[in-house]
């Protein structure tokens, strides 16, 4: 079973780093979720060489640093939640929320 080095976010929004054996990235994500962590980046370690390869997670472009980016994510999720609760189709809600958040982030 390969070992993954990962970066995750806990419930308080703090970055957590570590390593864990998992069958694949999906298995790693499930294991971290059970621990209350949200996977943001994963790198598989090559057991033969003992070094990390360059294969990165599909969610590795999600990087939260500082209060501004975290606030933008919170705003995005809040607006999306309201729209979905009101019955707006998910694709339409995602498009509208993305446009709304772009407007607000450029106005800051």
N, C-alpha and C. Protein backbone atom coordinates (compact mmCIF):
# COMPACT_ATOMS: atom_id res chain seq x y z
N UNK A 1 0.86 -1.17 0.00
CA UNK A 1 0.00 0.00 0.00
C UNK A 1 0.90 1.24 0.00
N UNK A 2 0.71 2.14 -0.97
CA UNK A 2 1.55 3.34 -1.02
C UNK A 2 1.28 4.28 0.15
N UNK A 3 2.27 5.07 0.44
CA UNK A 3 2.13 6.07 1.50
C UNK A 3 2.04 7.45 0.86
N UNK A 4 1.12 8.25 1.37
CA UNK A 4 0.90 9.60 0.84
C UNK A 4 1.34 10.62 1.86
N UNK A 5 2.02 11.65 1.39
CA UNK A 5 2.22 12.85 2.19
C UNK A 5 1.07 13.77 1.83
N UNK A 6 0.48 14.39 2.83
CA UNK A 6 -0.70 15.20 2.56
C UNK A 6 -0.65 16.53 3.31
N UNK A 7 -1.45 17.45 2.79
CA UNK A 7 -1.75 18.70 3.47
C UNK A 7 -3.27 18.75 3.56
N UNK A 8 -3.77 19.05 4.74
CA UNK A 8 -5.21 19.08 4.95
C UNK A 8 -5.56 20.27 5.83
N UNK A 9 -6.85 20.55 5.92
CA UNK A 9 -7.35 21.65 6.75
C UNK A 9 -8.27 21.04 7.80
N UNK A 10 -8.10 21.47 9.05
CA UNK A 10 -8.97 20.96 10.11
C UNK A 10 -10.21 21.83 10.23
N UNK A 11 -11.07 21.52 11.19
CA UNK A 11 -12.33 22.23 11.35
C UNK A 11 -12.15 23.71 11.68
N UNK A 12 -11.02 24.06 12.23
CA UNK A 12 -10.74 25.46 12.57
C UNK A 12 -10.07 26.21 11.44
N UNK A 13 -9.82 25.53 10.32
CA UNK A 13 -9.19 26.18 9.17
C UNK A 13 -7.68 26.18 9.22
N UNK A 14 -7.10 25.41 10.10
CA UNK A 14 -5.64 25.34 10.23
C UNK A 14 -5.09 24.26 9.33
N UNK A 15 -3.93 24.52 8.74
CA UNK A 15 -3.26 23.54 7.89
C UNK A 15 -2.66 22.44 8.74
N UNK A 16 -2.82 21.22 8.29
CA UNK A 16 -2.24 20.04 8.94
C UNK A 16 -1.49 19.25 7.89
N UNK A 17 -0.26 18.86 8.21
CA UNK A 17 0.56 18.06 7.31
C UNK A 17 0.81 16.70 7.95
N UNK A 18 1.03 15.71 7.12
CA UNK A 18 1.34 14.39 7.65
C UNK A 18 1.50 13.39 6.54
N UNK A 19 1.61 12.14 6.93
CA UNK A 19 1.68 11.06 5.94
C UNK A 19 0.82 9.91 6.44
N UNK A 20 0.29 9.15 5.47
CA UNK A 20 -0.62 8.07 5.81
C UNK A 20 -0.65 7.06 4.67
N UNK A 21 -0.65 5.77 4.98
CA UNK A 21 -0.81 4.78 3.93
C UNK A 21 -2.26 4.74 3.44
N UNK A 22 -2.45 4.59 2.14
CA UNK A 22 -3.79 4.53 1.56
C UNK A 22 -3.69 3.82 0.21
N UNK A 23 -4.80 3.21 -0.19
CA UNK A 23 -4.85 2.51 -1.47
C UNK A 23 -4.69 3.47 -2.63
N UNK A 24 -5.37 4.61 -2.55
CA UNK A 24 -5.30 5.65 -3.56
C UNK A 24 -5.71 6.97 -2.90
N UNK A 25 -5.78 8.01 -3.71
CA UNK A 25 -6.10 9.33 -3.18
C UNK A 25 -7.51 9.40 -2.59
N UNK A 26 -8.43 8.69 -3.20
CA UNK A 26 -9.81 8.66 -2.68
C UNK A 26 -9.85 8.01 -1.31
N UNK A 27 -9.11 6.93 -1.15
CA UNK A 27 -9.03 6.25 0.15
C UNK A 27 -8.42 7.17 1.19
N UNK A 28 -7.37 7.89 0.80
CA UNK A 28 -6.74 8.85 1.71
C UNK A 28 -7.74 9.92 2.13
N UNK A 29 -8.50 10.44 1.17
CA UNK A 29 -9.49 11.47 1.47
C UNK A 29 -10.53 10.95 2.45
N UNK A 30 -10.98 9.72 2.28
CA UNK A 30 -11.97 9.12 3.20
C UNK A 30 -11.39 8.98 4.60
N UNK A 31 -10.14 8.53 4.69
CA UNK A 31 -9.50 8.35 5.99
C UNK A 31 -9.34 9.70 6.71
N UNK A 32 -8.93 10.72 5.97
CA UNK A 32 -8.76 12.04 6.58
C UNK A 32 -10.10 12.63 6.99
N UNK A 33 -11.12 12.41 6.18
CA UNK A 33 -12.46 12.91 6.51
C UNK A 33 -12.95 12.30 7.82
N UNK A 34 -12.66 11.02 8.02
CA UNK A 34 -13.03 10.35 9.27
C UNK A 34 -12.32 10.97 10.47
N UNK A 35 -11.17 11.57 10.22
CA UNK A 35 -10.41 12.24 11.29
C UNK A 35 -10.80 13.72 11.43
N UNK A 36 -11.75 14.17 10.61
CA UNK A 36 -12.18 15.57 10.67
C UNK A 36 -11.29 16.51 9.89
N UNK A 37 -10.59 15.99 8.88
CA UNK A 37 -9.69 16.81 8.06
C UNK A 37 -10.17 16.84 6.62
N UNK A 38 -9.90 17.97 5.95
CA UNK A 38 -10.27 18.16 4.55
C UNK A 38 -8.99 18.19 3.72
N UNK A 39 -8.83 17.21 2.84
CA UNK A 39 -7.64 17.07 2.02
C UNK A 39 -7.53 18.23 1.02
N UNK A 40 -6.36 18.88 0.98
CA UNK A 40 -6.12 19.94 0.01
C UNK A 40 -4.99 19.59 -0.95
N UNK A 41 -4.07 18.72 -0.53
CA UNK A 41 -2.96 18.34 -1.40
C UNK A 41 -2.45 16.97 -0.97
N UNK A 42 -2.12 16.14 -1.94
CA UNK A 42 -1.58 14.81 -1.65
C UNK A 42 -0.47 14.49 -2.63
N UNK A 43 0.61 13.91 -2.12
CA UNK A 43 1.74 13.49 -2.94
C UNK A 43 2.06 12.06 -2.55
N UNK A 44 2.09 11.16 -3.53
CA UNK A 44 2.40 9.76 -3.24
C UNK A 44 3.91 9.61 -3.08
N UNK A 45 4.27 8.87 -2.07
CA UNK A 45 5.69 8.60 -1.85
C UNK A 45 6.06 7.31 -2.56
N UNK A 46 7.22 7.30 -3.16
CA UNK A 46 7.72 6.10 -3.82
C UNK A 46 8.45 5.25 -2.79
N UNK A 47 7.90 4.10 -2.39
CA UNK A 47 8.52 3.30 -1.34
C UNK A 47 9.92 2.82 -1.71
N UNK A 48 10.19 2.58 -2.99
CA UNK A 48 11.51 2.09 -3.40
C UNK A 48 12.57 3.16 -3.23
N UNK A 49 12.23 4.40 -3.55
CA UNK A 49 13.21 5.48 -3.47
C UNK A 49 13.12 6.28 -2.18
N UNK A 50 11.99 6.21 -1.51
CA UNK A 50 11.80 6.98 -0.28
C UNK A 50 11.63 8.46 -0.53
N UNK A 51 11.33 8.83 -1.76
CA UNK A 51 11.17 10.24 -2.09
C UNK A 51 9.79 10.46 -2.69
N UNK A 52 9.30 11.66 -2.55
CA UNK A 52 7.98 11.99 -3.09
C UNK A 52 8.06 12.15 -4.60
N UNK A 53 7.04 11.66 -5.28
CA UNK A 53 6.96 11.86 -6.72
C UNK A 53 6.25 13.18 -6.97
N UNK A 54 6.13 13.53 -8.25
CA UNK A 54 5.50 14.81 -8.58
C UNK A 54 4.01 14.71 -8.78
N UNK A 55 3.41 13.52 -8.63
CA UNK A 55 1.96 13.38 -8.80
C UNK A 55 1.25 14.09 -7.65
N UNK A 56 0.48 15.11 -7.99
CA UNK A 56 -0.21 15.89 -6.98
C UNK A 56 -1.71 15.70 -7.09
N UNK A 57 -2.37 16.04 -6.02
CA UNK A 57 -3.81 15.90 -5.94
C UNK A 57 -4.51 16.80 -6.95
N UNK A 58 -5.72 16.40 -7.35
CA UNK A 58 -6.53 17.23 -8.22
C UNK A 58 -6.98 18.49 -7.51
N UNK A 59 -7.01 18.45 -6.18
CA UNK A 59 -7.45 19.63 -5.43
C UNK A 59 -6.27 20.46 -4.94
N UNK A 60 -5.08 20.22 -5.50
CA UNK A 60 -3.90 20.92 -5.01
C UNK A 60 -3.92 22.41 -5.34
N UNK A 61 -4.76 22.83 -6.29
CA UNK A 61 -4.84 24.25 -6.60
C UNK A 61 -5.63 25.02 -5.55
N UNK A 62 -6.26 24.30 -4.62
CA UNK A 62 -6.98 24.96 -3.55
C UNK A 62 -6.01 25.25 -2.43
N UNK A 63 -5.56 26.47 -2.34
CA UNK A 63 -4.59 26.85 -1.32
C UNK A 63 -5.17 28.04 -0.56
N UNK A 64 -5.30 27.88 0.71
CA UNK A 64 -5.85 28.94 1.55
C UNK A 64 -4.75 29.49 2.44
N UNK A 65 -4.40 30.71 2.21
CA UNK A 65 -3.40 31.36 3.04
C UNK A 65 -3.96 32.71 3.46
N UNK A 66 -3.95 32.96 4.72
CA UNK A 66 -4.39 34.25 5.22
C UNK A 66 -5.89 34.35 5.36
N UNK A 67 -6.29 35.40 6.04
CA UNK A 67 -7.71 35.58 6.34
C UNK A 67 -8.53 35.92 5.12
N UNK A 68 -7.96 36.63 4.15
CA UNK A 68 -8.74 37.05 2.99
C UNK A 68 -9.22 35.86 2.16
N UNK A 69 -8.32 34.92 1.85
CA UNK A 69 -8.71 33.77 1.06
C UNK A 69 -9.69 32.89 1.83
N UNK A 70 -9.48 32.73 3.11
CA UNK A 70 -10.39 31.93 3.92
C UNK A 70 -11.76 32.58 3.94
N UNK A 71 -11.80 33.90 4.07
CA UNK A 71 -13.07 34.63 4.08
C UNK A 71 -13.77 34.47 2.74
N UNK A 72 -13.02 34.50 1.63
CA UNK A 72 -13.62 34.32 0.31
C UNK A 72 -14.25 32.93 0.19
N UNK A 73 -13.59 31.91 0.72
CA UNK A 73 -14.15 30.56 0.68
C UNK A 73 -15.42 30.48 1.52
N UNK A 74 -15.40 31.10 2.68
CA UNK A 74 -16.59 31.11 3.55
C UNK A 74 -17.74 31.82 2.85
N UNK A 75 -17.46 32.96 2.25
CA UNK A 75 -18.50 33.71 1.53
C UNK A 75 -19.06 32.88 0.38
N UNK A 76 -18.18 32.23 -0.38
CA UNK A 76 -18.61 31.41 -1.50
C UNK A 76 -19.55 30.30 -1.02
N UNK A 77 -19.15 29.60 0.02
CA UNK A 77 -19.97 28.48 0.54
C UNK A 77 -21.30 28.97 1.09
N UNK A 78 -21.29 30.11 1.75
CA UNK A 78 -22.52 30.65 2.32
C UNK A 78 -23.51 31.02 1.22
N UNK A 79 -23.04 31.73 0.21
CA UNK A 79 -23.92 32.14 -0.90
C UNK A 79 -24.43 30.91 -1.65
N UNK A 80 -23.55 29.95 -1.89
CA UNK A 80 -23.95 28.73 -2.58
C UNK A 80 -25.00 27.97 -1.77
N UNK A 81 -24.80 27.88 -0.48
CA UNK A 81 -25.74 27.18 0.40
C UNK A 81 -27.14 27.81 0.32
N UNK A 82 -27.20 29.12 0.37
CA UNK A 82 -28.49 29.81 0.31
C UNK A 82 -29.20 29.52 -1.01
N UNK A 83 -28.45 29.59 -2.11
CA UNK A 83 -29.07 29.36 -3.42
C UNK A 83 -29.57 27.93 -3.57
N UNK A 84 -28.80 26.97 -3.11
CA UNK A 84 -29.22 25.56 -3.23
C UNK A 84 -30.44 25.30 -2.34
N UNK A 85 -30.46 25.88 -1.16
CA UNK A 85 -31.63 25.72 -0.28
C UNK A 85 -32.90 26.29 -0.90
N UNK A 86 -32.76 27.34 -1.69
CA UNK A 86 -33.91 27.96 -2.32
C UNK A 86 -34.33 27.25 -3.61
N UNK A 87 -33.63 26.20 -3.97
CA UNK A 87 -34.04 25.40 -5.11
C UNK A 87 -33.38 25.76 -6.43
N UNK A 88 -32.37 26.59 -6.42
CA UNK A 88 -31.67 26.93 -7.65
C UNK A 88 -30.86 25.69 -8.07
N UNK A 89 -30.92 25.29 -9.34
CA UNK A 89 -30.14 24.14 -9.80
C UNK A 89 -28.65 24.35 -9.50
N UNK A 90 -27.97 23.26 -9.16
CA UNK A 90 -26.59 23.34 -8.69
C UNK A 90 -25.65 24.03 -9.68
N UNK A 91 -25.74 23.68 -10.95
CA UNK A 91 -24.84 24.29 -11.94
C UNK A 91 -25.08 25.79 -12.02
N UNK A 92 -26.33 26.19 -12.06
CA UNK A 92 -26.67 27.61 -12.11
C UNK A 92 -26.22 28.31 -10.83
N UNK A 93 -26.40 27.66 -9.68
CA UNK A 93 -25.98 28.25 -8.40
C UNK A 93 -24.47 28.42 -8.35
N UNK A 94 -23.73 27.44 -8.86
CA UNK A 94 -22.26 27.55 -8.88
C UNK A 94 -21.81 28.70 -9.76
N UNK A 95 -22.43 28.83 -10.94
CA UNK A 95 -22.05 29.92 -11.85
C UNK A 95 -22.34 31.28 -11.23
N UNK A 96 -23.53 31.43 -10.67
CA UNK A 96 -23.92 32.71 -10.07
C UNK A 96 -23.05 33.03 -8.86
N UNK A 97 -22.77 32.03 -8.05
CA UNK A 97 -21.95 32.25 -6.86
C UNK A 97 -20.53 32.62 -7.24
N UNK A 98 -19.98 31.96 -8.24
CA UNK A 98 -18.62 32.28 -8.69
C UNK A 98 -18.55 33.71 -9.20
N UNK A 99 -19.53 34.13 -9.98
CA UNK A 99 -19.55 35.50 -10.48
C UNK A 99 -19.71 36.50 -9.33
N UNK A 100 -20.57 36.20 -8.39
CA UNK A 100 -20.79 37.07 -7.24
C UNK A 100 -19.52 37.23 -6.41
N UNK A 101 -18.81 36.13 -6.19
CA UNK A 101 -17.59 36.19 -5.39
C UNK A 101 -16.46 36.88 -6.13
N UNK A 102 -16.40 36.76 -7.47
CA UNK A 102 -15.40 37.50 -8.25
C UNK A 102 -15.64 39.00 -8.11
N UNK A 103 -16.91 39.40 -8.15
CA UNK A 103 -17.25 40.80 -8.02
C UNK A 103 -16.80 41.34 -6.67
N UNK A 104 -17.12 40.59 -5.61
CA UNK A 104 -16.78 41.06 -4.27
C UNK A 104 -15.27 41.07 -4.03
N UNK A 105 -14.54 40.07 -4.55
CA UNK A 105 -13.10 40.03 -4.31
C UNK A 105 -12.39 41.13 -5.08
N UNK A 106 -12.91 41.54 -6.25
CA UNK A 106 -12.27 42.61 -7.00
C UNK A 106 -12.62 43.98 -6.41
N UNK A 107 -13.70 44.06 -5.65
CA UNK A 107 -14.10 45.33 -5.05
C UNK A 107 -13.34 45.64 -3.78
N UNK A 108 -12.64 44.65 -3.23
CA UNK A 108 -11.90 44.86 -1.98
C UNK A 108 -10.65 45.62 -2.18
